[in-house]
Amino acid sequence: MKANALHIAVASGKGGTGKTTLATCLAAVLAKRGKSVAYLDCDVEEPNGHIFLKPQISKTTEVEVLIPKVDLDKCTFCGECAKICEFNAIAVLLDKVMVFPSLCHSCGGCFHICPERAITEIPRPIGTIADGIGMGVRFIEGRLNIGEAMAPPVTTRIKHNMPDMDVTIIDAPPGTSCPVIEAVRDTDFVVLVTEPTPFGLNDLQLAVGMVRSLQLPFGVVINRSDLGDDRVVKYCADEKVDVMMQIPFNRALAESYAVGKMIDGLAPELTDDLTHMYDTIESRVAHD
């Protein structure tokens, strides 16, 4: 890994705050500054960073997890595999064993505990990872297959193959659940994007609690800052949370976003603010 490489996660307590817009713009702005930048779309249930960075995909790989397969000729139907499974992914009947792949967390417990060695593990595809280049940014997107329930294995695979760049921007899914934690953990800094509404404040409070429990340094960006109230600003002041940017509503930028155009070139002040935010993050991480 490069010396002084910086990994920044962009997250939000709720959807629709402008998280992906900010993440893609930050990646593009830093690339224009001459830095080597990777953008990792870890919002694998609904990735949309490609709409803005418009990458040329050069490689697509399948993500697989291991699930149990039972050899009924060896099985004595003792039920030990079902007892150890916390997720009820395997059930033992009188003369039959049922496996529920969508519930399996691939822990391998059933495989290791089976006294008859009747269980093997077989791969099951759950998603894909696309790799390419867009607007001078190394672009990596995870996409969970339709109908799959567990996103973290796809995110884990993305981060395991993280390219060696000056800066990596990790676009996390919205919320504070397991997929978000998997996306932001082990990063150097988390940017929480919110909006000045009651819902925005409520979900920001949950997101702040999450990153604090993970002991990650973070700051807040308030999008559409002039359309709501001041309770988010007051909350951040009371909690001593750094408000790194406040972005007023701009109809031209909203129209650009609606048709999938990058907005950094339409608002020079936004580029300046993103650059300043990055410099602040870099300084804070260096001094932690």
Protein backbone atom coordinates (compact mmCIF):
# COMPACT_ATOMS: atom_id res chain seq x y z
CA MET A 1 0.00 0.00 0.00
CA LYS A 2 1.21 3.52 -0.77
CA ALA A 3 2.71 5.50 2.06
CA ASN A 4 0.22 8.12 3.31
CA ALA A 5 -2.60 6.60 1.24
CA LEU A 6 -5.92 7.97 2.47
CA HIS A 7 -9.18 6.04 2.66
CA ILE A 8 -12.28 8.22 3.02
CA ALA A 9 -15.76 6.77 3.47
CA VAL A 10 -18.79 8.85 2.48
CA ALA A 11 -21.91 7.75 4.34
CA SER A 12 -25.34 9.00 5.35
CA GLY A 13 -27.94 8.03 7.92
CA LYS A 14 -30.64 8.06 5.24
CA GLY A 15 -30.96 7.89 1.48
CA GLY A 16 -31.41 10.92 -0.74
CA THR A 17 -29.01 13.25 1.02
CA GLY A 18 -26.60 13.60 -1.92
CA LYS A 19 -24.02 11.11 -0.64
CA THR A 20 -23.11 9.63 -4.02
CA THR A 21 -23.09 13.06 -5.67
CA LEU A 22 -20.57 14.26 -3.09
CA ALA A 23 -18.48 11.08 -3.28
CA THR A 24 -18.17 11.08 -7.08
CA CYS A 25 -17.48 14.81 -7.23
CA LEU A 26 -14.78 14.51 -4.59
CA ALA A 27 -13.16 11.67 -6.52
CA ALA A 28 -13.24 13.64 -9.79
CA VAL A 29 -11.91 16.83 -8.19
CA LEU A 30 -8.97 15.01 -6.59
CA ALA A 31 -8.17 13.24 -9.87
CA LYS A 32 -8.03 16.63 -11.60
CA ARG A 33 -5.54 17.73 -8.94
CA GLY A 34 -3.23 14.97 -10.14
CA LYS A 35 -3.83 12.44 -7.41
CA SER A 36 -4.38 8.77 -8.17
CA VAL A 37 -7.94 8.13 -7.00
CA ALA A 38 -10.14 5.08 -6.62
CA TYR A 39 -13.89 5.25 -6.17
CA LEU A 40 -15.44 2.15 -4.58
CA ASP A 41 -19.22 1.93 -4.88
CA CYS A 42 -20.10 -0.19 -1.84
CA ASP A 43 -23.80 0.65 -2.01
CA VAL A 44 -24.11 -2.79 -3.57
CA GLU A 45 -27.91 -3.06 -3.38
CA GLU A 46 -28.35 0.09 -5.46
CA PRO A 47 -25.04 1.29 -6.91
CA ASN A 48 -25.33 4.47 -8.98
CA GLY A 49 -21.88 6.05 -8.99
CA HIS A 50 -21.51 4.86 -12.59
CA ILE A 51 -24.22 7.33 -13.63
CA PHE A 52 -21.86 10.21 -12.86
CA LEU A 53 -18.35 8.84 -13.44
CA LYS A 54 -19.43 6.97 -16.62
CA PRO A 55 -16.63 4.41 -16.46
CA GLN A 56 -15.37 2.15 -19.20
CA ILE A 57 -15.57 -1.27 -17.57
CA SER A 58 -12.61 -3.51 -18.34
CA LYS A 59 -13.29 -6.45 -16.06
CA THR A 60 -16.23 -8.06 -14.28
CA THR A 61 -15.82 -10.81 -11.70
CA GLU A 62 -18.33 -12.91 -9.83
CA VAL A 63 -18.59 -12.88 -6.04
CA GLU A 64 -19.27 -16.25 -4.47
CA VAL A 65 -19.91 -17.50 -0.94
CA LEU A 66 -19.66 -21.03 0.38
CA ILE A 67 -22.78 -22.94 1.39
CA PRO A 68 -23.15 -26.48 2.75
CA LYS A 69 -23.94 -29.52 0.65
CA VAL A 70 -24.96 -32.67 2.49
CA ASP A 71 -24.11 -36.20 1.37
CA LEU A 72 -27.17 -38.16 2.50
CA ASP A 73 -25.33 -41.45 2.06
CA LYS A 74 -22.97 -40.42 4.89
CA CYS A 75 -25.43 -38.42 7.00
CA THR A 76 -26.88 -40.05 10.15
CA PHE A 77 -29.36 -37.18 10.69
CA CYS A 78 -27.92 -36.45 14.13
CA GLY A 79 -28.89 -32.78 13.87
CA GLU A 80 -25.58 -31.33 15.11
CA CYS A 81 -25.32 -29.09 12.03
CA ALA A 82 -28.75 -27.57 12.70
CA LYS A 83 -27.96 -27.00 16.38
CA ILE A 84 -24.85 -24.96 15.64
CA CYS A 85 -26.44 -22.76 12.96
CA GLU A 86 -27.60 -19.46 14.50
CA PHE A 87 -29.41 -18.47 11.32
CA ASN A 88 -31.55 -21.58 10.76
CA ALA A 89 -29.93 -22.10 7.38
CA ILE A 90 -29.97 -25.88 7.75
CA ALA A 91 -32.73 -28.13 9.08
CA VAL A 92 -32.58 -31.86 9.77
CA LEU A 93 -35.68 -34.06 9.45
CA LEU A 94 -36.02 -37.80 10.03
CA ASP A 95 -34.48 -38.77 6.70
CA LYS A 96 -33.80 -35.45 5.02
CA VAL A 97 -31.61 -32.36 5.41
CA MET A 98 -32.81 -29.02 4.05
CA VAL A 99 -30.39 -26.18 3.27
CA PHE A 100 -31.62 -22.59 2.88
CA PRO A 101 -28.85 -20.81 0.92
CA SER A 102 -30.22 -17.29 1.39
CA LEU A 103 -29.98 -17.66 5.20
CA CYS A 104 -26.46 -19.10 5.23
CA HIS A 105 -23.71 -16.77 6.51
CA SER A 106 -20.91 -19.05 5.25
CA CYS A 107 -19.42 -19.47 8.73
CA GLY A 108 -18.45 -23.12 8.09
CA GLY A 109 -19.73 -24.26 11.49
CA CYS A 110 -21.83 -27.10 10.08
CA PHE A 111 -18.93 -28.34 7.98
CA HIS A 112 -16.55 -28.45 10.94
CA ILE A 113 -18.96 -30.00 13.47
CA CYS A 114 -20.37 -32.82 11.34
CA PRO A 115 -19.16 -36.08 12.98
CA GLU A 116 -19.63 -38.09 9.79
CA ARG A 117 -17.89 -35.59 7.49
CA ALA A 118 -21.07 -35.62 5.42
CA ILE A 119 -20.96 -31.90 4.68
CA THR A 120 -18.88 -30.20 2.02
CA GLU A 121 -18.91 -26.52 1.02
CA ILE A 122 -19.80 -25.43 -2.49
CA PRO A 123 -19.66 -21.94 -4.04
CA ARG A 124 -22.82 -19.95 -4.69
CA PRO A 125 -22.75 -16.68 -6.70
CA ILE A 126 -24.34 -13.69 -4.94
CA GLY A 127 -23.07 -10.69 -6.89
CA THR A 128 -20.53 -9.13 -9.22
CA ILE A 129 -17.70 -6.61 -9.11
CA ALA A 130 -17.05 -4.31 -12.07
CA ASP A 131 -13.68 -2.61 -12.55
CA GLY A 132 -12.86 0.24 -14.91
CA ILE A 133 -11.85 3.88 -15.36
CA GLY A 134 -14.11 6.94 -15.44
CA MET A 135 -13.09 10.60 -15.55
CA GLY A 136 -9.56 9.71 -14.53
CA VAL A 137 -10.80 7.75 -11.51
CA ARG A 138 -10.29 4.03 -10.94
CA PHE A 139 -13.88 2.81 -10.63
CA ILE A 140 -14.90 -0.33 -8.74
CA GLU A 141 -18.56 -1.21 -8.28
CA GLY A 142 -20.12 -4.02 -6.30
CA ARG A 143 -23.58 -5.22 -7.27
CA LEU A 144 -25.64 -7.68 -5.26
CA ASN A 145 -27.69 -10.12 -7.33
CA ILE A 146 -31.44 -9.54 -7.31
CA GLY A 147 -33.11 -11.45 -4.51
CA GLU A 148 -29.98 -11.82 -2.38
CA ALA A 149 -30.22 -10.69 1.23
CA MET A 150 -26.64 -10.27 2.43
CA ALA A 151 -24.57 -7.40 1.08
CA PRO A 152 -21.46 -7.52 3.35
CA PRO A 153 -19.69 -10.37 1.47
CA VAL A 154 -19.70 -8.29 -1.72
CA THR A 155 -18.41 -5.24 0.14
CA THR A 156 -15.73 -7.32 1.82
CA ARG A 157 -14.53 -8.58 -1.56
CA ILE A 158 -14.39 -5.04 -2.96
CA LYS A 159 -12.29 -3.80 -0.06
CA HIS A 160 -10.07 -6.88 -0.08
CA ASN A 161 -9.06 -6.04 -3.66
CA MET A 162 -8.73 -2.30 -3.02
CA PRO A 163 -6.27 -0.77 -5.50
CA ASP A 164 -3.10 1.00 -4.36
CA MET A 165 -3.94 4.69 -4.84
CA ASP A 166 -3.21 8.06 -3.22
CA VAL A 167 -6.86 8.40 -2.23
CA THR A 168 -9.69 5.89 -2.08
CA ILE A 169 -13.27 7.16 -1.80
CA ILE A 170 -15.65 4.54 -0.41
CA ASP A 171 -19.30 5.25 -1.19
CA ALA A 172 -21.16 3.46 1.62
CA PRO A 173 -24.83 2.46 1.57
CA PRO A 174 -27.27 4.68 3.47
CA GLY A 175 -28.27 3.85 7.03
CA THR A 176 -26.38 2.33 9.96
CA SER A 177 -26.83 -1.42 9.43
CA CYS A 178 -24.25 -4.17 8.87
CA PRO A 179 -23.54 -3.28 5.20
CA VAL A 180 -22.67 0.28 6.24
CA ILE A 181 -20.40 -0.86 9.05
CA GLU A 182 -18.59 -3.21 6.68
CA ALA A 183 -18.08 -0.35 4.21
CA VAL A 184 -16.76 2.25 6.67
CA ARG A 185 -14.73 0.10 9.06
CA ASP A 186 -10.94 0.42 8.84
CA THR A 187 -11.19 3.67 6.88
CA ASP A 188 -9.20 6.76 7.88
CA PHE A 189 -12.10 9.21 7.93
CA VAL A 190 -15.87 9.22 7.47
CA VAL A 191 -17.83 12.04 5.86
CA LEU A 192 -21.50 11.97 6.94
CA VAL A 193 -23.81 13.69 4.47
CA THR A 194 -27.10 14.95 5.87
CA GLU A 195 -29.87 17.47 5.26
CA PRO A 196 -31.44 20.05 7.61
CA THR A 197 -34.75 18.26 8.20
CA PRO A 198 -36.19 16.36 11.18
CA PHE A 199 -35.58 13.05 9.38
CA GLY A 200 -32.08 14.16 8.45
CA LEU A 201 -31.28 15.05 12.07
CA ASN A 202 -32.67 11.81 13.45
CA ASP A 203 -30.67 9.66 11.05
CA LEU A 204 -27.56 11.79 11.48
CA GLN A 205 -27.70 11.12 15.22
CA LEU A 206 -27.77 7.38 14.51
CA ALA A 207 -24.87 7.69 12.06
CA VAL A 208 -22.81 9.71 14.54
CA GLY A 209 -23.40 7.04 17.15
CA MET A 210 -22.24 4.39 14.69
CA VAL A 211 -18.95 6.04 13.74
CA ARG A 212 -18.22 6.92 17.36
CA SER A 213 -18.75 3.31 18.39
CA LEU A 214 -16.26 2.34 15.66
CA GLN A 215 -13.87 5.03 16.95
CA LEU A 216 -13.51 6.59 13.52
CA PRO A 217 -12.77 10.29 12.95
CA PHE A 218 -15.56 12.00 11.05
CA GLY A 219 -17.14 15.25 9.92
CA VAL A 220 -20.51 16.35 8.56
CA VAL A 221 -21.62 17.86 5.26
CA ILE A 222 -25.05 19.54 5.23
CA ASN A 223 -26.61 19.41 1.77
CA ARG A 224 -29.44 21.76 0.73
CA SER A 225 -28.46 23.71 3.82
CA ASP A 226 -30.76 26.67 3.14
CA LEU A 227 -34.01 24.69 2.74
CA GLY A 228 -34.58 23.36 6.26
CA ASP A 229 -34.06 24.51 9.82
CA ASP A 230 -30.99 25.01 12.00
CA ARG A 231 -31.38 22.00 14.29
CA VAL A 232 -28.66 20.00 12.52
CA VAL A 233 -26.20 22.87 12.95
CA LYS A 234 -27.12 23.19 16.62
CA TYR A 235 -26.80 19.46 17.15
CA CYS A 236 -23.32 19.45 15.61
CA ALA A 237 -22.28 22.41 17.76
CA ASP A 238 -23.58 20.74 20.92
CA GLU A 239 -21.86 17.46 20.06
CA LYS A 240 -18.65 19.19 18.93
CA VAL A 241 -18.98 17.69 15.47
CA ASP A 242 -17.14 19.47 12.67
CA VAL A 243 -19.44 20.77 9.92
CA MET A 244 -17.03 20.58 7.00
CA MET A 245 -19.30 21.93 4.27
CA GLN A 246 -22.73 23.49 3.90
CA ILE A 247 -24.08 23.25 0.36
CA PRO A 248 -27.03 25.54 -0.47
CA PHE A 249 -29.71 24.36 -2.86
CA ASN A 250 -28.90 25.19 -6.47
CA ARG A 251 -31.52 24.45 -9.11
CA ALA A 252 -28.98 24.23 -11.94
CA LEU A 253 -26.99 21.65 -9.99
CA ALA A 254 -30.16 19.70 -9.18
CA GLU A 255 -31.09 19.61 -12.88
CA SER A 256 -27.58 18.45 -13.76
CA TYR A 257 -27.77 15.71 -11.14
CA ALA A 258 -31.16 14.59 -12.45
CA VAL A 259 -29.67 13.77 -15.86
CA GLY A 260 -26.51 12.16 -14.50
CA LYS A 261 -24.03 14.95 -15.15
CA MET A 262 -21.09 15.73 -12.89
CA ILE A 263 -21.73 19.00 -11.11
CA ASP A 264 -18.24 20.03 -10.01
CA GLY A 265 -17.61 21.95 -13.25
CA LEU A 266 -20.86 23.92 -12.94
CA ALA A 267 -20.03 25.41 -9.55
CA PRO A 268 -16.40 26.50 -9.05
CA GLU A 269 -17.13 27.29 -5.42
CA LEU A 270 -18.12 23.65 -4.88
CA THR A 271 -14.79 22.50 -6.29
CA ASP A 272 -12.99 24.89 -3.95
CA ASP A 273 -15.00 23.68 -0.97
CA LEU A 274 -14.36 20.03 -1.79
CA THR A 275 -10.64 20.73 -2.15
CA HIS A 276 -10.59 22.54 1.19
CA MET A 277 -12.52 19.69 2.83
CA TYR A 278 -10.04 17.14 1.52
CA ASP A 279 -7.10 19.20 2.77
CA THR A 280 -8.75 19.40 6.19
CA ILE A 281 -9.31 15.64 6.28
CA GLU A 282 -5.73 14.98 5.21
CA SER A 283 -4.43 17.25 7.96
CA ARG A 284 -6.65 15.72 10.63
CA VAL A 285 -5.68 12.16 9.72
CA ALA A 286 -1.98 13.08 9.69
CA HIS A 287 -2.21 14.49 13.20
CA ASP A 288 -4.31 11.70 14.76
